[in-house]
Amino acid sequence: MDKTSSKKSKKSKENKKRRTSTDTFKVDDKGILRKQKELMRVLHVKTFQLQHGNLSYLDYLELREELLRLNVLKDVLLRMSR
């Protein structure tokens, strides 16, 4: 009985390893598109704030850094969708 239970536990561990390794490489196109749309919406709002807002210099710097970070994220998502 000990041998069969150890074989079952080994098989279940192998199956779990296989599932997790394939899941990490799988690209969810719908999820990427949803993230791209949300990112474009946020970029539009932040750009509008930058252009039309009365910002202090510190707020301006923070907003500019956030826009740079979001643009890099946009490029990464574009590469993932190709």
N, C-alpha and C. Protein backbone atom coordinates (compact mmCIF):
# COMPACT_ATOMS: atom_id res chain seq x y z
N MET A 1 0.81 -1.19 0.00
CA MET A 1 0.00 0.00 0.00
C MET A 1 0.85 1.26 0.00
N ASP A 2 2.01 1.21 0.62
CA ASP A 2 2.87 2.38 0.67
C ASP A 2 3.40 2.73 -0.71
N LYS A 3 3.67 1.70 -1.51
CA LYS A 3 4.22 1.95 -2.84
C LYS A 3 3.21 2.64 -3.74
N THR A 4 1.94 2.21 -3.69
CA THR A 4 0.94 2.82 -4.56
C THR A 4 0.65 4.26 -4.16
N SER A 5 0.61 4.52 -2.87
CA SER A 5 0.34 5.90 -2.44
C SER A 5 1.49 6.82 -2.80
N SER A 6 2.72 6.32 -2.72
CA SER A 6 3.85 7.17 -3.10
C SER A 6 3.89 7.40 -4.60
N LYS A 7 3.46 6.40 -5.39
CA LYS A 7 3.41 6.58 -6.85
C LYS A 7 2.36 7.62 -7.21
N LYS A 8 1.22 7.56 -6.55
CA LYS A 8 0.15 8.53 -6.83
C LYS A 8 0.60 9.94 -6.47
N SER A 9 1.27 10.09 -5.35
CA SER A 9 1.70 11.42 -4.95
C SER A 9 2.77 11.96 -5.90
N LYS A 10 3.64 11.08 -6.40
CA LYS A 10 4.65 11.51 -7.37
C LYS A 10 3.98 11.95 -8.66
N LYS A 11 2.99 11.18 -9.13
CA LYS A 11 2.30 11.53 -10.38
C LYS A 11 1.55 12.85 -10.23
N SER A 12 0.89 13.02 -9.10
CA SER A 12 0.14 14.27 -8.93
C SER A 12 1.08 15.47 -8.84
N LYS A 13 2.24 15.30 -8.23
CA LYS A 13 3.22 16.38 -8.17
C LYS A 13 3.75 16.70 -9.56
N GLU A 14 4.00 15.66 -10.38
CA GLU A 14 4.48 15.89 -11.74
C GLU A 14 3.44 16.61 -12.56
N ASN A 15 2.17 16.21 -12.43
CA ASN A 15 1.10 16.86 -13.18
C ASN A 15 0.97 18.33 -12.78
N LYS A 16 1.10 18.60 -11.49
CA LYS A 16 1.02 19.99 -11.04
C LYS A 16 2.18 20.80 -11.61
N LYS A 17 3.36 20.22 -11.64
CA LYS A 17 4.52 20.93 -12.19
C LYS A 17 4.30 21.22 -13.66
N ARG A 18 3.79 20.26 -14.39
CA ARG A 18 3.55 20.45 -15.82
C ARG A 18 2.53 21.56 -16.06
N ARG A 19 1.47 21.54 -15.30
CA ARG A 19 0.43 22.55 -15.48
C ARG A 19 0.96 23.95 -15.21
N THR A 20 1.70 24.10 -14.16
CA THR A 20 2.18 25.44 -13.83
C THR A 20 3.21 25.92 -14.84
N SER A 21 4.04 25.03 -15.36
CA SER A 21 5.06 25.47 -16.32
C SER A 21 4.41 25.88 -17.64
N THR A 22 3.37 25.19 -18.08
CA THR A 22 2.72 25.57 -19.34
C THR A 22 1.86 26.80 -19.16
N ASP A 23 1.27 26.98 -17.97
CA ASP A 23 0.43 28.15 -17.72
C ASP A 23 1.24 29.44 -17.74
N THR A 24 2.48 29.40 -17.32
CA THR A 24 3.28 30.62 -17.28
C THR A 24 3.65 31.09 -18.68
N PHE A 25 3.74 30.19 -19.64
CA PHE A 25 4.11 30.57 -20.99
C PHE A 25 2.90 30.88 -21.86
N LYS A 26 1.73 30.57 -21.38
CA LYS A 26 0.52 30.81 -22.15
C LYS A 26 0.19 32.30 -22.10
N VAL A 27 -0.09 32.88 -23.26
CA VAL A 27 -0.40 34.30 -23.33
C VAL A 27 -1.91 34.46 -23.49
N ASP A 28 -2.50 35.21 -22.60
CA ASP A 28 -3.94 35.45 -22.64
C ASP A 28 -4.18 36.72 -23.45
N ASP A 29 -4.59 36.54 -24.71
CA ASP A 29 -4.78 37.67 -25.61
C ASP A 29 -5.88 38.62 -25.12
N LYS A 30 -6.96 38.07 -24.60
CA LYS A 30 -8.05 38.93 -24.13
C LYS A 30 -7.60 39.77 -22.94
N GLY A 31 -6.81 39.17 -22.06
CA GLY A 31 -6.30 39.90 -20.91
C GLY A 31 -5.35 41.02 -21.32
N ILE A 32 -4.51 40.73 -22.32
CA ILE A 32 -3.58 41.75 -22.81
C ILE A 32 -4.34 42.90 -23.45
N LEU A 33 -5.35 42.58 -24.25
CA LEU A 33 -6.15 43.63 -24.89
C LEU A 33 -6.87 44.48 -23.85
N ARG A 34 -7.39 43.83 -22.81
CA ARG A 34 -8.07 44.57 -21.75
C ARG A 34 -7.10 45.50 -21.03
N LYS A 35 -5.90 45.01 -20.79
CA LYS A 35 -4.89 45.84 -20.12
C LYS A 35 -4.46 47.00 -21.02
N GLN A 36 -4.34 46.73 -22.33
CA GLN A 36 -3.96 47.80 -23.25
C GLN A 36 -5.02 48.90 -23.28
N LYS A 37 -6.29 48.50 -23.32
CA LYS A 37 -7.37 49.50 -23.33
C LYS A 37 -7.36 50.34 -22.07
N GLU A 38 -7.21 49.68 -20.92
CA GLU A 38 -7.18 50.41 -19.65
C GLU A 38 -5.97 51.33 -19.59
N LEU A 39 -4.83 50.86 -20.07
CA LEU A 39 -3.62 51.66 -20.07
C LEU A 39 -3.78 52.88 -20.98
N MET A 40 -4.38 52.71 -22.14
CA MET A 40 -4.59 53.84 -23.03
C MET A 40 -5.53 54.86 -22.40
N ARG A 41 -6.55 54.38 -21.67
CA ARG A 41 -7.47 55.29 -21.00
C ARG A 41 -6.74 56.10 -19.94
N VAL A 42 -5.91 55.44 -19.14
CA VAL A 42 -5.17 56.12 -18.08
C VAL A 42 -4.18 57.11 -18.69
N LEU A 43 -3.49 56.70 -19.76
CA LEU A 43 -2.56 57.61 -20.42
C LEU A 43 -3.26 58.85 -20.95
N HIS A 44 -4.44 58.66 -21.49
CA HIS A 44 -5.20 59.81 -22.01
C HIS A 44 -5.57 60.77 -20.87
N VAL A 45 -6.04 60.23 -19.77
CA VAL A 45 -6.43 61.07 -18.62
C VAL A 45 -5.21 61.80 -18.06
N LYS A 46 -4.09 61.09 -17.90
CA LYS A 46 -2.89 61.71 -17.33
C LYS A 46 -2.32 62.77 -18.26
N THR A 47 -2.36 62.51 -19.56
CA THR A 47 -1.87 63.50 -20.52
C THR A 47 -2.75 64.75 -20.49
N PHE A 48 -4.06 64.54 -20.39
CA PHE A 48 -4.98 65.68 -20.29
C PHE A 48 -4.69 66.49 -19.03
N GLN A 49 -4.45 65.81 -17.90
CA GLN A 49 -4.11 66.51 -16.67
C GLN A 49 -2.84 67.33 -16.83
N LEU A 50 -1.87 66.75 -17.51
CA LEU A 50 -0.59 67.43 -17.71
C LEU A 50 -0.75 68.67 -18.57
N GLN A 51 -1.56 68.56 -19.62
CA GLN A 51 -1.72 69.68 -20.55
C GLN A 51 -2.63 70.78 -20.01
N HIS A 52 -3.67 70.42 -19.28
CA HIS A 52 -4.67 71.41 -18.89
C HIS A 52 -4.74 71.70 -17.40
N GLY A 53 -3.90 71.08 -16.63
CA GLY A 53 -3.99 71.27 -15.18
C GLY A 53 -3.03 72.33 -14.68
N ASN A 54 -3.43 72.96 -13.61
CA ASN A 54 -2.54 73.88 -12.90
C ASN A 54 -1.80 73.06 -11.86
N LEU A 55 -0.62 72.63 -12.21
CA LEU A 55 0.15 71.72 -11.36
C LEU A 55 1.33 72.45 -10.74
N SER A 56 1.63 72.06 -9.53
CA SER A 56 2.87 72.55 -8.95
C SER A 56 4.03 71.80 -9.63
N TYR A 57 5.21 72.29 -9.42
CA TYR A 57 6.37 71.66 -10.07
C TYR A 57 6.55 70.22 -9.59
N LEU A 58 6.32 69.98 -8.32
CA LEU A 58 6.45 68.63 -7.77
C LEU A 58 5.39 67.69 -8.37
N ASP A 59 4.16 68.18 -8.49
CA ASP A 59 3.10 67.39 -9.12
C ASP A 59 3.44 67.10 -10.58
N TYR A 60 3.98 68.11 -11.26
CA TYR A 60 4.38 67.95 -12.65
C TYR A 60 5.44 66.86 -12.79
N LEU A 61 6.44 66.88 -11.91
CA LEU A 61 7.49 65.85 -11.98
C LEU A 61 6.94 64.45 -11.73
N GLU A 62 6.07 64.33 -10.74
CA GLU A 62 5.48 63.03 -10.45
C GLU A 62 4.63 62.53 -11.60
N LEU A 63 3.85 63.40 -12.19
CA LEU A 63 3.00 63.03 -13.31
C LEU A 63 3.83 62.66 -14.53
N ARG A 64 4.90 63.39 -14.77
CA ARG A 64 5.78 63.08 -15.90
C ARG A 64 6.44 61.72 -15.72
N GLU A 65 6.91 61.41 -14.52
CA GLU A 65 7.50 60.10 -14.25
C GLU A 65 6.49 58.98 -14.43
N GLU A 66 5.27 59.23 -13.99
CA GLU A 66 4.22 58.22 -14.16
C GLU A 66 3.90 58.00 -15.63
N LEU A 67 3.87 59.07 -16.40
CA LEU A 67 3.62 58.93 -17.84
C LEU A 67 4.74 58.16 -18.53
N LEU A 68 5.97 58.40 -18.13
CA LEU A 68 7.08 57.64 -18.70
C LEU A 68 6.96 56.15 -18.39
N ARG A 69 6.61 55.86 -17.15
CA ARG A 69 6.45 54.46 -16.73
C ARG A 69 5.30 53.80 -17.49
N LEU A 70 4.19 54.50 -17.66
CA LEU A 70 3.04 53.95 -18.37
C LEU A 70 3.35 53.75 -19.85
N ASN A 71 4.13 54.64 -20.44
CA ASN A 71 4.50 54.46 -21.85
C ASN A 71 5.40 53.24 -22.04
N VAL A 72 6.28 52.98 -21.10
CA VAL A 72 7.11 51.78 -21.17
C VAL A 72 6.23 50.54 -21.05
N LEU A 73 5.26 50.58 -20.15
CA LEU A 73 4.33 49.47 -19.99
C LEU A 73 3.52 49.25 -21.26
N LYS A 74 3.14 50.34 -21.92
CA LYS A 74 2.41 50.24 -23.18
C LYS A 74 3.26 49.52 -24.23
N ASP A 75 4.54 49.85 -24.31
CA ASP A 75 5.43 49.18 -25.27
C ASP A 75 5.58 47.70 -24.96
N VAL A 76 5.66 47.36 -23.69
CA VAL A 76 5.78 45.95 -23.30
C VAL A 76 4.53 45.18 -23.70
N LEU A 77 3.37 45.76 -23.45
CA LEU A 77 2.12 45.09 -23.81
C LEU A 77 1.98 44.95 -25.33
N LEU A 78 2.45 45.93 -26.06
CA LEU A 78 2.42 45.83 -27.52
C LEU A 78 3.28 44.67 -28.02
N ARG A 79 4.46 44.52 -27.43
CA ARG A 79 5.34 43.42 -27.82
C ARG A 79 4.73 42.07 -27.46
N MET A 80 4.04 42.01 -26.33
CA MET A 80 3.42 40.75 -25.91
C MET A 80 2.26 40.35 -26.83
N SER A 81 1.57 41.32 -27.39
CA SER A 81 0.41 41.01 -28.22
C SER A 81 0.80 40.60 -29.64
N ARG A 82 2.03 40.81 -30.02
CA ARG A 82 2.46 40.46 -31.38
C ARG A 82 2.77 39.02 -31.51
